[in-house]
Amino acid sequence: MIAALKDVEVRYGERPVLGPIDFALGAGEIVALVGPSGCGKSTAMRLLAGLEQPSGGAVVREIGKGETSLVFQAPTLAPWMDAAANVALPLELIGTPREAARRQAVDWLSRVGLAGAETKRPAQLSGGMAMRVSLARALAASPRLLLLDEPFAALDEITRRRLADDVLGLWADLEPTILFVTHNVEEAVYMARRVVVMSAGPGRIAGELAIEGPLPRPEGFRATAGFREAAETVSRLLAGGRP
């Protein structure tokens, strides 16, 4: 186990937001967390990241400080820095000398398909390119837990699919544990080995489904009967039905 929520509840004042919820992430797992808007998906992610404390229950993390990276829906890049400097920043913050950090950043930009874009500022990047920079920055410190909070939501469908394959390819090389938060059922089924479905807020676990098939996904996986059946099952869980 990498991290877990044990009988966790979150309240903001008197308003319940999440739980009670039990949820765990295994080493090297890719888990998608899906649910309606306002169900507490992002709250659960912040708890696992150590950015928020529960009102009740316990958050268990079997990893140390600096072993978690987050990627948000907005790339959150520093606009005054070029792409390589943005990726190098977390490396410098943990003590990597600036020149070595930049060399590693350039290598990571190449690994996410941005070779040659090292000196571009965020304003010069497309949405998909900016998200690739954000992914490179998150992966540069070799995290054991990678948290992705609807990172493709603002992108067009073609770019989303390409980035999904890129993330799975990087996972195959590095094998971090990944929690992928999304409201897109097909994206969840494509990305994850296990899909966890949350109910409307205050969110609880409505059900979960193991997704069969190899990771990374082979070409044409979305057209298979298994993919379609899994997507329909997750949709039924979201609608309050049963598998």
Protein backbone atom coordinates (compact mmCIF):
# COMPACT_ATOMS: atom_id res chain seq x y z
CA MET A 1 0.00 0.00 0.00
CA ILE A 2 1.15 3.53 -0.83
CA ALA A 3 -1.61 5.60 0.78
CA ALA A 4 -5.10 5.13 2.17
CA LEU A 5 -8.12 6.91 3.59
CA LYS A 6 -9.57 5.02 6.56
CA ASP A 7 -13.12 5.91 7.57
CA VAL A 8 -12.37 9.49 6.52
CA GLU A 9 -14.86 12.32 6.71
CA VAL A 10 -14.46 15.97 5.71
CA ARG A 11 -16.74 18.76 6.83
CA TYR A 12 -16.46 22.47 6.14
CA GLY A 13 -18.11 23.96 9.17
CA GLU A 14 -21.37 22.10 9.54
CA ARG A 15 -21.49 21.08 5.87
CA PRO A 16 -20.42 17.48 5.11
CA VAL A 17 -18.27 17.28 1.99
CA LEU A 18 -16.85 13.77 1.91
CA GLY A 19 -17.39 10.41 3.50
CA PRO A 20 -17.19 8.41 5.48
CA ILE A 21 -14.92 6.79 2.93
CA ASP A 22 -12.40 3.93 2.85
CA PHE A 23 -10.00 3.99 -0.07
CA ALA A 24 -6.50 2.60 -0.68
CA LEU A 25 -3.84 2.80 -3.39
CA GLY A 26 -1.44 -0.07 -4.02
CA ALA A 27 2.13 0.25 -5.24
CA GLY A 28 2.31 0.72 -9.01
CA GLU A 29 -1.47 0.84 -9.37
CA ILE A 30 -3.36 3.17 -11.72
CA VAL A 31 -6.72 4.03 -10.18
CA ALA A 32 -9.34 6.34 -11.68
CA LEU A 33 -11.69 8.17 -9.34
CA VAL A 34 -14.93 9.25 -11.02
CA GLY A 35 -18.06 10.91 -9.76
CA PRO A 36 -20.41 13.86 -10.28
CA SER A 37 -19.27 17.44 -9.73
CA GLY A 38 -19.08 18.31 -6.05
CA CYS A 39 -18.80 14.72 -4.82
CA GLY A 40 -15.41 15.27 -3.17
CA LYS A 41 -13.04 13.73 -5.74
CA SER A 42 -10.53 16.56 -5.50
CA THR A 43 -10.91 16.66 -1.72
CA ALA A 44 -9.96 12.98 -1.55
CA MET A 45 -6.92 13.73 -3.70
CA ARG A 46 -5.83 16.61 -1.47
CA LEU A 47 -6.13 14.35 1.56
CA LEU A 48 -3.91 11.72 -0.07
CA ALA A 49 -1.42 14.43 -1.02
CA GLY A 50 -1.24 15.69 2.55
CA LEU A 51 -2.62 19.10 1.57
CA GLU A 52 -5.73 18.80 3.72
CA GLN A 53 -6.61 17.15 7.01
CA PRO A 54 -9.76 15.08 7.59
CA SER A 55 -12.47 16.04 10.03
CA GLY A 56 -12.63 12.40 11.09
CA GLY A 57 -10.87 9.14 10.36
CA ALA A 58 -7.23 8.74 9.32
CA VAL A 59 -5.05 9.38 6.28
CA VAL A 60 -2.24 6.83 5.99
CA ARG A 61 0.78 7.56 3.79
CA GLU A 62 3.53 4.95 3.44
CA ILE A 63 5.71 7.40 1.52
CA GLY A 64 7.93 10.25 2.60
CA LYS A 65 7.80 13.95 1.95
CA GLY A 66 8.76 14.82 -1.60
CA GLU A 67 7.57 11.48 -3.00
CA THR A 68 4.23 12.84 -4.22
CA SER A 69 3.62 14.98 -7.30
CA LEU A 70 0.39 16.64 -8.44
CA VAL A 71 -0.88 17.76 -11.81
CA PHE A 72 -3.96 19.97 -11.87
CA GLN A 73 -6.46 20.85 -14.59
CA ALA A 74 -4.62 24.16 -15.13
CA PRO A 75 -0.89 23.66 -15.80
CA THR A 76 0.05 26.31 -13.14
CA LEU A 77 3.34 27.17 -14.84
CA ALA A 78 5.36 30.22 -13.80
CA PRO A 79 4.78 32.63 -16.72
CA TRP A 80 8.17 34.35 -16.36
CA MET A 81 10.11 31.08 -16.72
CA ASP A 82 10.74 29.08 -19.87
CA ALA A 83 9.63 25.45 -20.10
CA ALA A 84 12.94 24.00 -18.91
CA ALA A 85 13.09 26.35 -15.92
CA ASN A 86 9.55 25.37 -14.91
CA VAL A 87 10.46 21.68 -14.99
CA ALA A 88 13.77 22.30 -13.18
CA LEU A 89 12.19 24.27 -10.34
CA PRO A 90 11.15 21.34 -8.08
CA LEU A 91 14.58 19.75 -8.62
CA GLU A 92 16.29 22.93 -7.51
CA LEU A 93 14.00 23.13 -4.48
CA ILE A 94 15.26 19.74 -3.28
CA GLY A 95 18.87 20.81 -3.70
CA THR A 96 19.84 19.81 -7.23
CA PRO A 97 22.41 22.29 -8.63
CA ARG A 98 20.87 24.61 -11.21
CA GLU A 99 22.83 23.37 -14.23
CA ALA A 100 22.16 19.71 -13.40
CA ALA A 101 18.49 20.47 -12.80
CA ARG A 102 18.19 22.14 -16.19
CA ARG A 103 19.88 19.21 -17.93
CA GLN A 104 17.39 16.84 -16.30
CA ALA A 105 14.54 19.17 -17.22
CA VAL A 106 15.57 19.18 -20.88
CA ASP A 107 15.67 15.37 -20.82
CA TRP A 108 12.18 15.21 -19.29
CA LEU A 109 10.78 17.62 -21.85
CA SER A 110 12.11 15.31 -24.54
CA ARG A 111 10.48 12.32 -22.85
CA VAL A 112 7.07 14.02 -22.93
CA GLY A 113 7.44 14.95 -26.61
CA LEU A 114 8.67 18.54 -26.24
CA ALA A 115 12.25 18.34 -27.48
CA GLY A 116 13.14 21.76 -28.85
CA ALA A 117 10.60 23.63 -26.72
CA GLU A 118 12.92 24.19 -23.76
CA THR A 119 13.13 27.97 -24.13
CA LYS A 120 9.45 28.63 -24.82
CA ARG A 121 7.50 30.58 -22.21
CA PRO A 122 4.03 29.35 -21.12
CA ALA A 123 2.33 32.02 -23.25
CA GLN A 124 3.97 30.48 -26.32
CA LEU A 125 2.64 26.99 -25.61
CA SER A 126 -0.62 25.39 -26.69
CA GLY A 127 -2.84 23.88 -24.01
CA GLY A 128 -1.55 20.40 -24.76
CA MET A 129 2.09 21.55 -24.70
CA ALA A 130 1.59 23.33 -21.39
CA MET A 131 0.10 20.17 -19.89
CA ARG A 132 3.11 18.18 -21.13
CA VAL A 133 5.39 20.64 -19.35
CA SER A 134 3.32 20.19 -16.21
CA LEU A 135 3.65 16.40 -16.51
CA ALA A 136 7.40 16.65 -17.03
CA ARG A 137 7.70 18.85 -13.94
CA ALA A 138 5.66 16.37 -11.89
CA LEU A 139 7.71 13.38 -13.02
CA ALA A 140 11.15 14.98 -12.82
CA ALA A 141 11.48 14.27 -9.09
CA SER A 142 10.62 10.56 -9.63
CA PRO A 143 7.52 10.50 -7.42
CA ARG A 144 6.16 7.26 -6.01
CA LEU A 145 2.65 8.74 -6.05
CA LEU A 146 1.41 10.81 -8.99
CA LEU A 147 -1.93 12.58 -8.50
CA LEU A 148 -3.70 13.81 -11.63
CA ASP A 149 -6.71 16.06 -11.00
CA GLU A 150 -8.71 16.23 -14.26
CA PRO A 151 -5.54 17.19 -16.17
CA PHE A 152 -7.10 16.83 -19.64
CA ALA A 153 -10.46 18.48 -18.98
CA ALA A 154 -9.71 21.69 -20.89
CA LEU A 155 -8.17 19.97 -23.92
CA ASP A 156 -9.66 18.84 -27.21
CA GLU A 157 -10.43 15.15 -27.70
CA ILE A 158 -7.46 14.38 -29.98
CA THR A 159 -5.00 15.97 -27.56
CA ARG A 160 -6.62 14.21 -24.60
CA ARG A 161 -6.20 10.82 -26.23
CA ARG A 162 -2.57 11.45 -27.13
CA LEU A 163 -1.76 12.60 -23.62
CA ALA A 164 -3.54 9.59 -22.12
CA ASP A 165 -1.29 7.27 -24.14
CA ASP A 166 1.78 9.33 -23.19
CA VAL A 167 0.95 9.09 -19.48
CA LEU A 168 0.49 5.32 -19.75
CA GLY A 169 3.79 5.01 -21.61
CA LEU A 170 5.61 6.97 -18.92
CA TRP A 171 3.93 4.88 -16.24
CA ALA A 172 5.22 1.71 -17.92
CA ASP A 173 8.77 3.07 -17.66
CA LEU A 174 8.58 4.48 -14.12
CA GLU A 175 5.75 2.51 -12.44
CA PRO A 176 4.58 5.14 -9.96
CA THR A 177 1.21 4.75 -8.30
CA ILE A 178 -1.24 6.99 -10.16
CA LEU A 179 -4.57 8.36 -9.00
CA PHE A 180 -6.44 9.88 -11.93
CA VAL A 181 -9.45 12.03 -11.05
CA THR A 182 -11.93 12.60 -13.88
CA HIS A 183 -15.63 12.91 -14.62
CA ASN A 184 -15.12 11.28 -18.04
CA VAL A 185 -16.15 7.62 -17.88
CA GLU A 186 -14.37 6.47 -21.04
CA GLU A 187 -11.19 8.26 -20.03
CA ALA A 188 -11.30 6.53 -16.64
CA VAL A 189 -11.77 3.08 -18.18
CA TYR A 190 -8.98 3.68 -20.69
CA MET A 191 -6.44 4.97 -18.17
CA ALA A 192 -6.95 2.77 -15.14
CA ARG A 193 -6.61 -0.77 -13.91
CA ARG A 194 -9.33 -0.01 -11.36
CA VAL A 195 -12.15 2.53 -11.50
CA VAL A 196 -13.65 3.74 -8.22
CA VAL A 197 -17.04 5.45 -8.50
CA MET A 198 -18.21 8.04 -5.99
CA SER A 199 -21.77 9.05 -5.19
CA ALA A 200 -23.06 12.62 -5.12
CA GLY A 201 -21.74 14.74 -2.27
CA PRO A 202 -21.02 14.18 0.47
CA GLY A 203 -19.21 11.58 -1.60
CA ARG A 204 -18.99 7.94 -0.67
CA ILE A 205 -17.83 4.90 -2.61
CA ALA A 206 -20.71 3.76 -4.82
CA GLY A 207 -18.74 0.87 -6.29
CA GLU A 208 -15.61 -0.06 -8.15
CA LEU A 209 -14.64 -2.07 -11.19
CA ALA A 210 -11.44 -3.81 -12.25
CA ILE A 211 -10.62 -3.13 -15.91
CA GLU A 212 -9.27 -6.04 -17.89
CA GLY A 213 -6.66 -5.69 -20.61
CA PRO A 214 -2.99 -4.72 -20.94
CA LEU A 215 -1.52 -1.40 -19.91
CA PRO A 216 -0.49 0.64 -21.85
CA ARG A 217 -3.57 0.10 -23.99
CA PRO A 218 -3.15 -1.47 -27.43
CA GLU A 219 -4.37 0.30 -30.55
CA GLY A 220 -8.11 -0.08 -30.98
CA PHE A 221 -8.75 -0.82 -27.29
CA ARG A 222 -11.64 1.67 -27.17
CA ALA A 223 -13.44 -0.32 -29.86
CA THR A 224 -13.32 -3.63 -27.98
CA ALA A 225 -16.36 -5.21 -26.37
CA GLY A 226 -14.60 -5.30 -23.01
CA PHE A 227 -13.98 -1.56 -23.05
CA ARG A 228 -17.57 -0.77 -23.99
CA GLU A 229 -18.96 -3.12 -21.36
CA ALA A 230 -16.73 -1.61 -18.65
CA ALA A 231 -17.75 1.92 -19.63
CA GLU A 232 -21.42 0.96 -19.44
CA THR A 233 -20.94 -0.64 -16.02
CA VAL A 234 -19.22 2.48 -14.64
CA SER A 235 -22.00 4.63 -16.13
CA ARG A 236 -24.62 2.50 -14.35
CA LEU A 237 -22.77 2.89 -11.06
CA LEU A 238 -22.70 6.65 -11.57
CA ALA A 239 -26.43 6.61 -12.22
CA GLY A 240 -27.04 4.69 -9.01
CA GLY A 241 -27.43 1.30 -10.64
CA ARG A 242 -25.59 -1.92 -9.94
CA PRO A 243 -23.08 -3.79 -12.11
